[in-house]
Structure formats: structure tokens, C-alpha cells
Amino acid sequence: MSSKTDKIAALLADLGLNERRENGVDGYYAGYFACFNRGLFYEAHEVLEEIWQGQRGAANGAFYKGLIQLAGACVHLARDRKGPAAALLQLARTNLGRYPAAHERLDVGGVLVLIDRWLGKLEAGGVNPLLEEGRPRMELLKG
């Protein structure tokens, strides 16, 4: 295992998760949301990248990429870098917009509404929506 993989496994363990499927959800996928909802956006990106690496050309490749881009946009917003955040939000919107309103137990429609609202704020006047609204939360739908 690489040191990055070891660090991610340790992070998941700290969150009370592991790499295996629990309750029908991949541990890395669950870890993404656990990190994201705690404001650990960089870590959320890193955790989900573990799945995305093997899924790039598969059916969910763009889905995972869109979620990674959303977390990356939040990293930029936390550092008040609005331009790069807006660019990543656009990419996330494009990638997530390929999927149905509910996909992989995620309310994709709700995530797209958030992205559109945040893009609107950034484009309208450069308001940083992360600072204005606080960090967003995403919960998986009941399976």
C-alpha cells in the first residue's frame, strides 16, 4: 500500500469507517460524505479519489469526478479563491448533470441546485457562498 492509501485508511478508521461495504455503501464513498460534512473538503476529495481511480472510464466515473470537483471547489472557497472555485463548480455541474436526480443514494438534483445557487452568487457579485451560507451538508438517501 502507498502512504497515501495508508493515510486514507487511517482517516476512515478515525471516522469509524473502513474500506469495505457497510450497509450497502462503500467505505470510501461513505468517507467522502463524512469528511465533506465536517468541512474536510481536501480529505473528502482524497478519499473519493480512491474509488474514482478505478472507475474513470466506467459508468460512475463522471459521477465520482463531479463529487471530487465539488469538494475541490469548496477547498478553493475556504481559501477565498472564487475564480478557481467557480470553474470547478461548473465542471462538477456538468459531470453530475449526466446522472438521474437520485443516483448512488445521493440526491443529485439537490446537489445541482446547490451548485447552481453558488455559481449564481459567484457570478453575480463575487460573494463567497461558503462564507455566507456556511458549509453544505450532503446525506445519503435511505437504501
C-alpha atoms as a PDB file:
ATOM      1  CA  MET A   1       0.000   0.000   0.000  1.00  0.00           C
ATOM      2  CA  SER A   2       1.116   3.569  -0.673  1.00  0.00           C
ATOM      3  CA  SER A   3       1.490   6.059   2.144  1.00  0.00           C
ATOM      4  CA  LYS A   4      -1.491   7.978   0.678  1.00  0.00           C
ATOM      5  CA  THR A   5      -3.632   4.831   0.858  1.00  0.00           C
ATOM      6  CA  ASP A   6      -2.435   4.237   4.417  1.00  0.00           C
ATOM      7  CA  LYS A   7      -3.352   7.805   5.397  1.00  0.00           C
ATOM      8  CA  ILE A   8      -6.805   7.448   3.878  1.00  0.00           C
ATOM      9  CA  ALA A   9      -7.349   4.123   5.654  1.00  0.00           C
ATOM     10  CA  ALA A  10      -6.336   5.809   8.931  1.00  0.00           C
ATOM     11  CA  LEU A  11      -8.711   8.705   8.262  1.00  0.00           C
ATOM     12  CA  LEU A  12     -11.572   6.298   7.586  1.00  0.00           C
ATOM     13  CA  ALA A  13     -10.772   4.446  10.806  1.00  0.00           C
ATOM     14  CA  ASP A  14     -10.843   7.768  12.704  1.00  0.00           C
ATOM     15  CA  LEU A  15     -14.302   8.358  11.233  1.00  0.00           C
ATOM     16  CA  GLY A  16     -15.435   4.898  12.359  1.00  0.00           C
ATOM     17  CA  LEU A  17     -15.449   3.577   8.789  1.00  0.00           C
ATOM     18  CA  ASN A  18     -13.371   1.138   6.781  1.00  0.00           C
ATOM     19  CA  GLU A  19     -12.775   0.412   3.122  1.00  0.00           C
ATOM     20  CA  ARG A  20     -15.370  -2.376   2.940  1.00  0.00           C
ATOM     21  CA  ARG A  21     -19.034  -2.045   2.160  1.00  0.00           C
ATOM     22  CA  GLU A  22     -21.205  -1.435   5.190  1.00  0.00           C
ATOM     23  CA  ASN A  23     -24.976  -1.140   4.947  1.00  0.00           C
ATOM     24  CA  GLY A  24     -24.636  -1.391   1.177  1.00  0.00           C
ATOM     25  CA  VAL A  25     -22.289   1.592   0.930  1.00  0.00           C
ATOM     26  CA  ASP A  26     -18.615   1.507   0.008  1.00  0.00           C
ATOM     27  CA  GLY A  27     -16.497   2.759   2.911  1.00  0.00           C
ATOM     28  CA  TYR A  28     -14.666   5.262   0.716  1.00  0.00           C
ATOM     29  CA  TYR A  29     -17.951   6.618  -0.618  1.00  0.00           C
ATOM     30  CA  ALA A  30     -19.319   6.980   2.917  1.00  0.00           C
ATOM     31  CA  GLY A  31     -15.987   8.511   3.937  1.00  0.00           C
ATOM     32  CA  TYR A  32     -16.361  11.205   1.298  1.00  0.00           C
ATOM     33  CA  PHE A  33     -19.621  12.402   2.860  1.00  0.00           C
ATOM     34  CA  ALA A  34     -18.303  12.081   6.415  1.00  0.00           C
ATOM     35  CA  CYS A  35     -15.325  14.286   5.516  1.00  0.00           C
ATOM     36  CA  PHE A  36     -17.339  16.711   3.375  1.00  0.00           C
ATOM     37  CA  ASN A  37     -19.933  17.282   6.097  1.00  0.00           C
ATOM     38  CA  ARG A  38     -17.167  18.041   8.611  1.00  0.00           C
ATOM     39  CA  GLY A  39     -15.662  20.637   6.294  1.00  0.00           C
ATOM     40  CA  LEU A  40     -12.709  18.387   5.479  1.00  0.00           C
ATOM     41  CA  PHE A  41     -13.036  19.108   1.785  1.00  0.00           C
ATOM     42  CA  TYR A  42      -9.485  18.221   0.754  1.00  0.00           C
ATOM     43  CA  GLU A  43      -9.742  14.937   2.624  1.00  0.00           C
ATOM     44  CA  ALA A  44     -13.139  14.226   1.027  1.00  0.00           C
ATOM     45  CA  HIS A  45     -11.502  14.681  -2.368  1.00  0.00           C
ATOM     46  CA  GLU A  46      -8.658  12.323  -1.440  1.00  0.00           C
ATOM     47  CA  VAL A  47     -10.961   9.621  -0.066  1.00  0.00           C
ATOM     48  CA  LEU A  48     -13.245   9.540  -3.097  1.00  0.00           C
ATOM     49  CA  GLU A  49     -10.297   9.585  -5.469  1.00  0.00           C
ATOM     50  CA  GLU A  50      -9.533   6.065  -4.232  1.00  0.00           C
ATOM     51  CA  ILE A  51     -12.752   4.874  -5.915  1.00  0.00           C
ATOM     52  CA  TRP A  52     -12.557   7.170  -8.925  1.00  0.00           C
ATOM     53  CA  GLN A  53      -9.086   5.935  -9.932  1.00  0.00           C
ATOM     54  CA  GLY A  54     -10.563   2.561 -10.831  1.00  0.00           C
ATOM     55  CA  GLN A  55     -13.805   3.959 -12.277  1.00  0.00           C
ATOM     56  CA  ARG A  56     -12.597   6.686 -14.660  1.00  0.00           C
ATOM     57  CA  GLY A  57     -13.974   5.050 -17.795  1.00  0.00           C
ATOM     58  CA  ALA A  58     -16.824   3.217 -16.083  1.00  0.00           C
ATOM     59  CA  ALA A  59     -20.463   4.252 -15.731  1.00  0.00           C
ATOM     60  CA  ASN A  60     -19.892   6.146 -12.461  1.00  0.00           C
ATOM     61  CA  GLY A  61     -16.599   7.759 -13.447  1.00  0.00           C
ATOM     62  CA  ALA A  62     -18.076  11.189 -14.157  1.00  0.00           C
ATOM     63  CA  PHE A  63     -20.260  10.938 -11.040  1.00  0.00           C
ATOM     64  CA  TYR A  64     -17.279  10.458  -8.742  1.00  0.00           C
ATOM     65  CA  LYS A  65     -15.308  13.077 -10.644  1.00  0.00           C
ATOM     66  CA  GLY A  66     -18.134  15.578 -10.163  1.00  0.00           C
ATOM     67  CA  LEU A  67     -18.199  14.973  -6.419  1.00  0.00           C
ATOM     68  CA  ILE A  68     -14.410  15.339  -6.275  1.00  0.00           C
ATOM     69  CA  GLN A  69     -14.702  18.626  -8.184  1.00  0.00           C
ATOM     70  CA  LEU A  70     -17.379  19.838  -5.759  1.00  0.00           C
ATOM     71  CA  ALA A  71     -15.067  19.147  -2.824  1.00  0.00           C
ATOM     72  CA  GLY A  72     -12.231  20.877  -4.686  1.00  0.00           C
ATOM     73  CA  ALA A  73     -14.431  23.925  -5.251  1.00  0.00           C
ATOM     74  CA  CYS A  74     -15.081  24.042  -1.505  1.00  0.00           C
ATOM     75  CA  VAL A  75     -11.325  23.895  -0.835  1.00  0.00           C
ATOM     76  CA  HIS A  76     -10.924  26.965  -3.057  1.00  0.00           C
ATOM     77  CA  LEU A  77     -13.863  28.756  -1.431  1.00  0.00           C
ATOM     78  CA  ALA A  78     -12.436  28.073   2.036  1.00  0.00           C
ATOM     79  CA  ARG A  79      -9.300  29.893   0.830  1.00  0.00           C
ATOM     80  CA  ASP A  80     -11.480  32.608  -0.785  1.00  0.00           C
ATOM     81  CA  ARG A  81     -10.293  31.740  -4.302  1.00  0.00           C
ATOM     82  CA  LYS A  82     -13.566  32.397  -6.086  1.00  0.00           C
ATOM     83  CA  GLY A  83     -12.396  32.069  -9.705  1.00  0.00           C
ATOM     84  CA  PRO A  84     -10.978  28.543  -9.387  1.00  0.00           C
ATOM     85  CA  ALA A  85     -13.988  27.576  -7.241  1.00  0.00           C
ATOM     86  CA  ALA A  86     -16.429  28.736  -9.920  1.00  0.00           C
ATOM     87  CA  ALA A  87     -14.522  26.809 -12.589  1.00  0.00           C
ATOM     88  CA  LEU A  88     -14.668  23.610 -10.525  1.00  0.00           C
ATOM     89  CA  LEU A  89     -18.341  24.141  -9.737  1.00  0.00           C
ATOM     90  CA  GLN A  90     -19.042  24.392 -13.478  1.00  0.00           C
ATOM     91  CA  LEU A  91     -17.162  21.134 -14.094  1.00  0.00           C
ATOM     92  CA  ALA A  92     -18.944  19.435 -11.185  1.00  0.00           C
ATOM     93  CA  ARG A  93     -22.288  20.586 -12.546  1.00  0.00           C
ATOM     94  CA  THR A  94     -21.502  19.174 -15.988  1.00  0.00           C
ATOM     95  CA  ASN A  95     -20.361  15.824 -14.610  1.00  0.00           C
ATOM     96  CA  LEU A  96     -23.137  15.376 -12.041  1.00  0.00           C
ATOM     97  CA  GLY A  97     -25.751  16.603 -14.515  1.00  0.00           C
ATOM     98  CA  ARG A  98     -25.266  13.389 -16.509  1.00  0.00           C
ATOM     99  CA  TYR A  99     -26.966  11.365 -13.778  1.00  0.00           C
ATOM    100  CA  PRO A 100     -30.576  10.990 -12.612  1.00  0.00           C
ATOM    101  CA  ALA A 101     -31.971  13.122  -9.786  1.00  0.00           C
ATOM    102  CA  ALA A 102     -31.231  10.297  -7.317  1.00  0.00           C
ATOM    103  CA  HIS A 103     -28.125   8.240  -8.018  1.00  0.00           C
ATOM    104  CA  GLU A 104     -26.000   6.039  -5.763  1.00  0.00           C
ATOM    105  CA  ARG A 105     -28.252   7.053  -2.858  1.00  0.00           C
ATOM    106  CA  LEU A 106     -27.427  10.736  -3.389  1.00  0.00           C
ATOM    107  CA  ASP A 107     -29.964  13.474  -4.086  1.00  0.00           C
ATOM    108  CA  VAL A 108     -28.092  14.633  -7.185  1.00  0.00           C
ATOM    109  CA  GLY A 109     -30.911  17.058  -8.001  1.00  0.00           C
ATOM    110  CA  GLY A 110     -30.413  18.780  -4.653  1.00  0.00           C
ATOM    111  CA  VAL A 111     -26.651  18.945  -5.169  1.00  0.00           C
ATOM    112  CA  LEU A 112     -27.206  20.540  -8.585  1.00  0.00           C
ATOM    113  CA  VAL A 113     -29.500  23.139  -7.011  1.00  0.00           C
ATOM    114  CA  LEU A 114     -26.743  23.978  -4.501  1.00  0.00           C
ATOM    115  CA  ILE A 115     -24.143  24.235  -7.269  1.00  0.00           C
ATOM    116  CA  ASP A 116     -26.395  26.480  -9.368  1.00  0.00           C
ATOM    117  CA  ARG A 117     -27.135  28.740  -6.379  1.00  0.00           C
ATOM    118  CA  TRP A 118     -23.455  29.026  -5.517  1.00  0.00           C
ATOM    119  CA  LEU A 119     -22.469  29.691  -9.131  1.00  0.00           C
ATOM    120  CA  GLY A 120     -25.133  32.385  -9.283  1.00  0.00           C
ATOM    121  CA  LYS A 121     -23.718  34.098  -6.206  1.00  0.00           C
ATOM    122  CA  LEU A 122     -20.165  33.912  -7.521  1.00  0.00           C
ATOM    123  CA  GLU A 123     -21.169  35.221 -10.950  1.00  0.00           C
ATOM    124  CA  ALA A 124     -23.475  37.957  -9.613  1.00  0.00           C
ATOM    125  CA  GLY A 125     -21.020  39.721  -7.409  1.00  0.00           C
ATOM    126  CA  GLY A 126     -18.255  37.545  -6.241  1.00  0.00           C
ATOM    127  CA  VAL A 127     -19.938  36.696  -2.935  1.00  0.00           C
ATOM    128  CA  ASN A 128     -18.295  33.658  -1.367  1.00  0.00           C
ATOM    129  CA  PRO A 129     -21.246  31.319  -0.706  1.00  0.00           C
ATOM    130  CA  LEU A 130     -19.244  29.094   1.651  1.00  0.00           C
ATOM    131  CA  LEU A 131     -18.564  32.064   3.927  1.00  0.00           C
ATOM    132  CA  GLU A 132     -22.061  33.472   3.513  1.00  0.00           C
ATOM    133  CA  GLU A 133     -24.067  30.240   3.948  1.00  0.00           C
ATOM    134  CA  GLY A 134     -21.655  28.035   5.839  1.00  0.00           C
ATOM    135  CA  ARG A 135     -20.560  24.616   4.742  1.00  0.00           C
ATOM    136  CA  PRO A 136     -23.088  22.490   2.911  1.00  0.00           C
ATOM    137  CA  ARG A 137     -24.171  19.034   4.017  1.00  0.00           C
ATOM    138  CA  MET A 138     -24.949  16.023   1.888  1.00  0.00           C
ATOM    139  CA  GLU A 139     -26.654  12.960   3.305  1.00  0.00           C
ATOM    140  CA  LEU A 140     -27.164   9.677   1.547  1.00  0.00           C
ATOM    141  CA  LEU A 141     -30.737   8.656   0.911  1.00  0.00           C
ATOM    142  CA  LYS A 142     -32.070   5.608   2.705  1.00  0.00           C
ATOM    143  CA  GLY A 143     -31.281   2.456   0.769  1.00  0.00           C
END
